Amino acid sequence: VQVVESGGALVQPGGSLRLSCVASGFTFSGYAMTRWRQAPGKECGWGAYISSAGNGGTSYADSVKGRFTISRDNSGNTVYLQMNSLKSEDTAVYYCKCPSYSTWGQGTQVTVSS
């Protein structure tokens, strides 16, 4: 199992960014996926969830609800995280993870600063 995150960048407050995560080594469409983040000096925290292809349900942490959208492209084994109205407190390393496996990717850095 492998996950590779990308798309992190330096962005100004109020800006937008889309993160990608490509997964391999398992039947991607059959599994839920999650997005996590770790801010400087803080523990890693859950941010978003998307169910497997069956019903596509999503859920979000209160801190990102209404601003972030998680989606998936099963043909490309990819999970996306569209982040809008970014705030300085969104600065973190962002990860994706399949809840059924213990594998973490290397993460991608998002910095929100003017």
C-alpha atoms as a PDB file:
ATOM      1  CA  VAL A   1       0.000   0.000   0.000  1.00  0.00           C
ATOM      2  CA  GLN A   2       1.316   3.413  -0.930  1.00  0.00           C
ATOM      3  CA  VAL A   3      -0.107   6.923  -0.890  1.00  0.00           C
ATOM      4  CA  VAL A   4       1.571   9.957  -2.430  1.00  0.00           C
ATOM      5  CA  GLU A   5       0.349  13.450  -1.577  1.00  0.00           C
ATOM      6  CA  SER A   6       0.983  16.527  -3.713  1.00  0.00           C
ATOM      7  CA  GLY A   7      -0.241  20.033  -4.377  1.00  0.00           C
ATOM      8  CA  GLY A   8       0.965  21.852  -1.287  1.00  0.00           C
ATOM      9  CA  ALA A   9       2.167  25.429  -1.687  1.00  0.00           C
ATOM     10  CA  LEU A  10       2.439  28.873  -0.144  1.00  0.00           C
ATOM     11  CA  VAL A  11      -0.871  30.686  -0.534  1.00  0.00           C
ATOM     12  CA  GLN A  12      -2.264  33.968   0.761  1.00  0.00           C
ATOM     13  CA  PRO A  13      -5.085  34.104   3.298  1.00  0.00           C
ATOM     14  CA  GLY A  14      -8.419  33.802   1.530  1.00  0.00           C
ATOM     15  CA  GLY A  15      -6.883  31.864  -1.315  1.00  0.00           C
ATOM     16  CA  SER A  16      -7.577  28.376  -2.621  1.00  0.00           C
ATOM     17  CA  LEU A  17      -5.565  25.245  -3.210  1.00  0.00           C
ATOM     18  CA  ARG A  18      -6.294  21.717  -4.388  1.00  0.00           C
ATOM     19  CA  LEU A  19      -4.368  18.799  -2.917  1.00  0.00           C
ATOM     20  CA  SER A  20      -4.103  15.400  -4.599  1.00  0.00           C
ATOM     21  CA  CYS A  21      -3.357  11.971  -3.205  1.00  0.00           C
ATOM     22  CA  VAL A  22      -2.648   8.987  -5.429  1.00  0.00           C
ATOM     23  CA  ALA A  23      -3.053   5.577  -3.809  1.00  0.00           C
ATOM     24  CA  SER A  24      -1.825   2.183  -4.940  1.00  0.00           C
ATOM     25  CA  GLY A  25      -1.488  -1.371  -3.687  1.00  0.00           C
ATOM     26  CA  PHE A  26      -5.145  -1.973  -2.887  1.00  0.00           C
ATOM     27  CA  THR A  27      -8.549  -1.868  -4.600  1.00  0.00           C
ATOM     28  CA  PHE A  28      -9.000   1.872  -4.224  1.00  0.00           C
ATOM     29  CA  SER A  29     -12.679   2.069  -5.163  1.00  0.00           C
ATOM     30  CA  GLY A  30     -13.620  -0.345  -2.413  1.00  0.00           C
ATOM     31  CA  TYR A  31     -12.262   1.690   0.461  1.00  0.00           C
ATOM     32  CA  ALA A  32     -12.977   4.922   2.250  1.00  0.00           C
ATOM     33  CA  MET A  33     -10.245   7.530   2.373  1.00  0.00           C
ATOM     34  CA  THR A  34      -9.404  10.255   4.860  1.00  0.00           C
ATOM     35  CA  ARG A  35      -7.420  13.481   4.932  1.00  0.00           C
ATOM     36  CA  TRP A  36      -5.420  14.537   7.969  1.00  0.00           C
ATOM     37  CA  ARG A  37      -3.194  17.439   8.829  1.00  0.00           C
ATOM     38  CA  GLN A  38      -0.498  18.283  11.345  1.00  0.00           C
ATOM     39  CA  ALA A  39       0.072  21.916  12.224  1.00  0.00           C
ATOM     40  CA  PRO A  40       3.404  23.069  13.676  1.00  0.00           C
ATOM     41  CA  GLY A  41       3.708  21.978  17.304  1.00  0.00           C
ATOM     42  CA  LYS A  42       0.389  20.119  17.270  1.00  0.00           C
ATOM     43  CA  GLU A  43      -0.722  16.526  16.955  1.00  0.00           C
ATOM     44  CA  CYS A  44      -1.989  15.160  13.683  1.00  0.00           C
ATOM     45  CA  GLY A  45      -5.727  15.679  13.399  1.00  0.00           C
ATOM     46  CA  TRP A  46      -8.442  14.299  11.162  1.00  0.00           C
ATOM     47  CA  GLY A  47      -9.910  16.688   8.619  1.00  0.00           C
ATOM     48  CA  ALA A  48     -12.122  14.939   6.093  1.00  0.00           C
ATOM     49  CA  TYR A  49     -13.566  11.568   5.128  1.00  0.00           C
ATOM     50  CA  ILE A  50     -15.010  10.149   1.937  1.00  0.00           C
ATOM     51  CA  SER A  51     -16.651   6.756   1.709  1.00  0.00           C
ATOM     52  CA  SER A  52     -15.945   4.164  -0.948  1.00  0.00           C
ATOM     53  CA  ALA A  53     -17.536   4.359  -4.402  1.00  0.00           C
ATOM     54  CA  GLY A  54     -20.771   2.857  -3.091  1.00  0.00           C
ATOM     55  CA  ASN A  55     -22.387   5.997  -1.737  1.00  0.00           C
ATOM     56  CA  GLY A  56     -19.735   8.738  -1.834  1.00  0.00           C
ATOM     57  CA  GLY A  57     -20.675  10.098   1.575  1.00  0.00           C
ATOM     58  CA  THR A  58     -18.416  12.713   3.106  1.00  0.00           C
ATOM     59  CA  SER A  59     -17.823  14.263   6.507  1.00  0.00           C
ATOM     60  CA  TYR A  60     -15.594  17.040   7.807  1.00  0.00           C
ATOM     61  CA  ALA A  61     -14.011  18.343  10.952  1.00  0.00           C
ATOM     62  CA  ASP A  62     -15.737  21.469  12.226  1.00  0.00           C
ATOM     63  CA  SER A  63     -12.606  23.503  11.559  1.00  0.00           C
ATOM     64  CA  VAL A  64     -12.813  22.942   7.800  1.00  0.00           C
ATOM     65  CA  LYS A  65     -16.523  22.372   7.219  1.00  0.00           C
ATOM     66  CA  GLY A  66     -17.923  24.679   4.566  1.00  0.00           C
ATOM     67  CA  ARG A  67     -14.456  25.568   3.249  1.00  0.00           C
ATOM     68  CA  PHE A  68     -12.923  22.237   2.248  1.00  0.00           C
ATOM     69  CA  THR A  69     -14.348  19.623  -0.109  1.00  0.00           C
ATOM     70  CA  ILE A  70     -13.072  16.061  -0.397  1.00  0.00           C
ATOM     71  CA  SER A  71     -13.694  14.114  -3.602  1.00  0.00           C
ATOM     72  CA  ARG A  72     -12.330  11.095  -5.384  1.00  0.00           C
ATOM     73  CA  ASP A  73     -11.628   9.811  -8.879  1.00  0.00           C
ATOM     74  CA  ASN A  74     -11.679   6.047  -8.737  1.00  0.00           C
ATOM     75  CA  SER A  75     -10.461   5.709 -12.318  1.00  0.00           C
ATOM     76  CA  GLY A  76      -7.243   7.424 -11.288  1.00  0.00           C
ATOM     77  CA  ASN A  77      -6.988   6.113  -7.712  1.00  0.00           C
ATOM     78  CA  THR A  78      -6.930   9.724  -6.555  1.00  0.00           C
ATOM     79  CA  VAL A  79      -8.413  11.635  -3.655  1.00  0.00           C
ATOM     80  CA  TYR A  80      -8.673  15.411  -3.891  1.00  0.00           C
ATOM     81  CA  LEU A  81      -9.027  18.059  -1.211  1.00  0.00           C
ATOM     82  CA  GLN A  82     -10.280  21.405  -2.497  1.00  0.00           C
ATOM     83  CA  MET A  83      -9.456  24.066   0.068  1.00  0.00           C
ATOM     84  CA  ASN A  84     -11.094  27.481  -0.167  1.00  0.00           C
ATOM     85  CA  SER A  85     -11.054  30.565   2.055  1.00  0.00           C
ATOM     86  CA  LEU A  86      -7.762  29.476   3.525  1.00  0.00           C
ATOM     87  CA  LYS A  87      -6.693  30.840   6.897  1.00  0.00           C
ATOM     88  CA  SER A  88      -3.325  31.048   8.597  1.00  0.00           C
ATOM     89  CA  GLU A  89      -4.451  28.318  10.977  1.00  0.00           C
ATOM     90  CA  ASP A  90      -4.745  25.947   8.001  1.00  0.00           C
ATOM     91  CA  THR A  91      -0.953  25.941   7.758  1.00  0.00           C
ATOM     92  CA  ALA A  92       0.077  22.310   8.199  1.00  0.00           C
ATOM     93  CA  VAL A  93       1.456  19.218   6.558  1.00  0.00           C
ATOM     94  CA  TYR A  94      -1.459  17.444   4.907  1.00  0.00           C
ATOM     95  CA  TYR A  95      -1.740  13.686   4.637  1.00  0.00           C
ATOM     96  CA  CYS A  96      -4.138  11.173   3.185  1.00  0.00           C
ATOM     97  CA  LYS A  97      -4.773   7.713   4.558  1.00  0.00           C
ATOM     98  CA  CYS A  98      -6.956   4.718   3.977  1.00  0.00           C
ATOM     99  CA  PRO A  99      -8.522   3.871   7.366  1.00  0.00           C
ATOM    100  CA  SER A 100      -8.149   0.153   6.658  1.00  0.00           C
ATOM    101  CA  TYR A 101      -4.366   0.344   6.386  1.00  0.00           C
ATOM    102  CA  SER A 102      -1.605   1.751   8.578  1.00  0.00           C
ATOM    103  CA  THR A 103       0.340   3.355   5.738  1.00  0.00           C
ATOM    104  CA  TRP A 104       0.956   7.112   5.751  1.00  0.00           C
ATOM    105  CA  GLY A 105       2.392   9.105   2.890  1.00  0.00           C
ATOM    106  CA  GLN A 106       5.114  11.725   3.105  1.00  0.00           C
ATOM    107  CA  GLY A 107       2.630  14.570   3.307  1.00  0.00           C
ATOM    108  CA  THR A 108       2.507  17.874   1.461  1.00  0.00           C
ATOM    109  CA  GLN A 109       3.157  21.264   3.063  1.00  0.00           C
ATOM    110  CA  VAL A 110       0.521  23.967   2.941  1.00  0.00           C
ATOM    111  CA  THR A 111       1.506  27.402   4.207  1.00  0.00           C
ATOM    112  CA  VAL A 112      -1.064  30.173   4.415  1.00  0.00           C
ATOM    113  CA  SER A 113       0.653  33.509   4.838  1.00  0.00           C
ATOM    114  CA  SER A 114       0.761  36.981   3.360  1.00  0.00           C
END
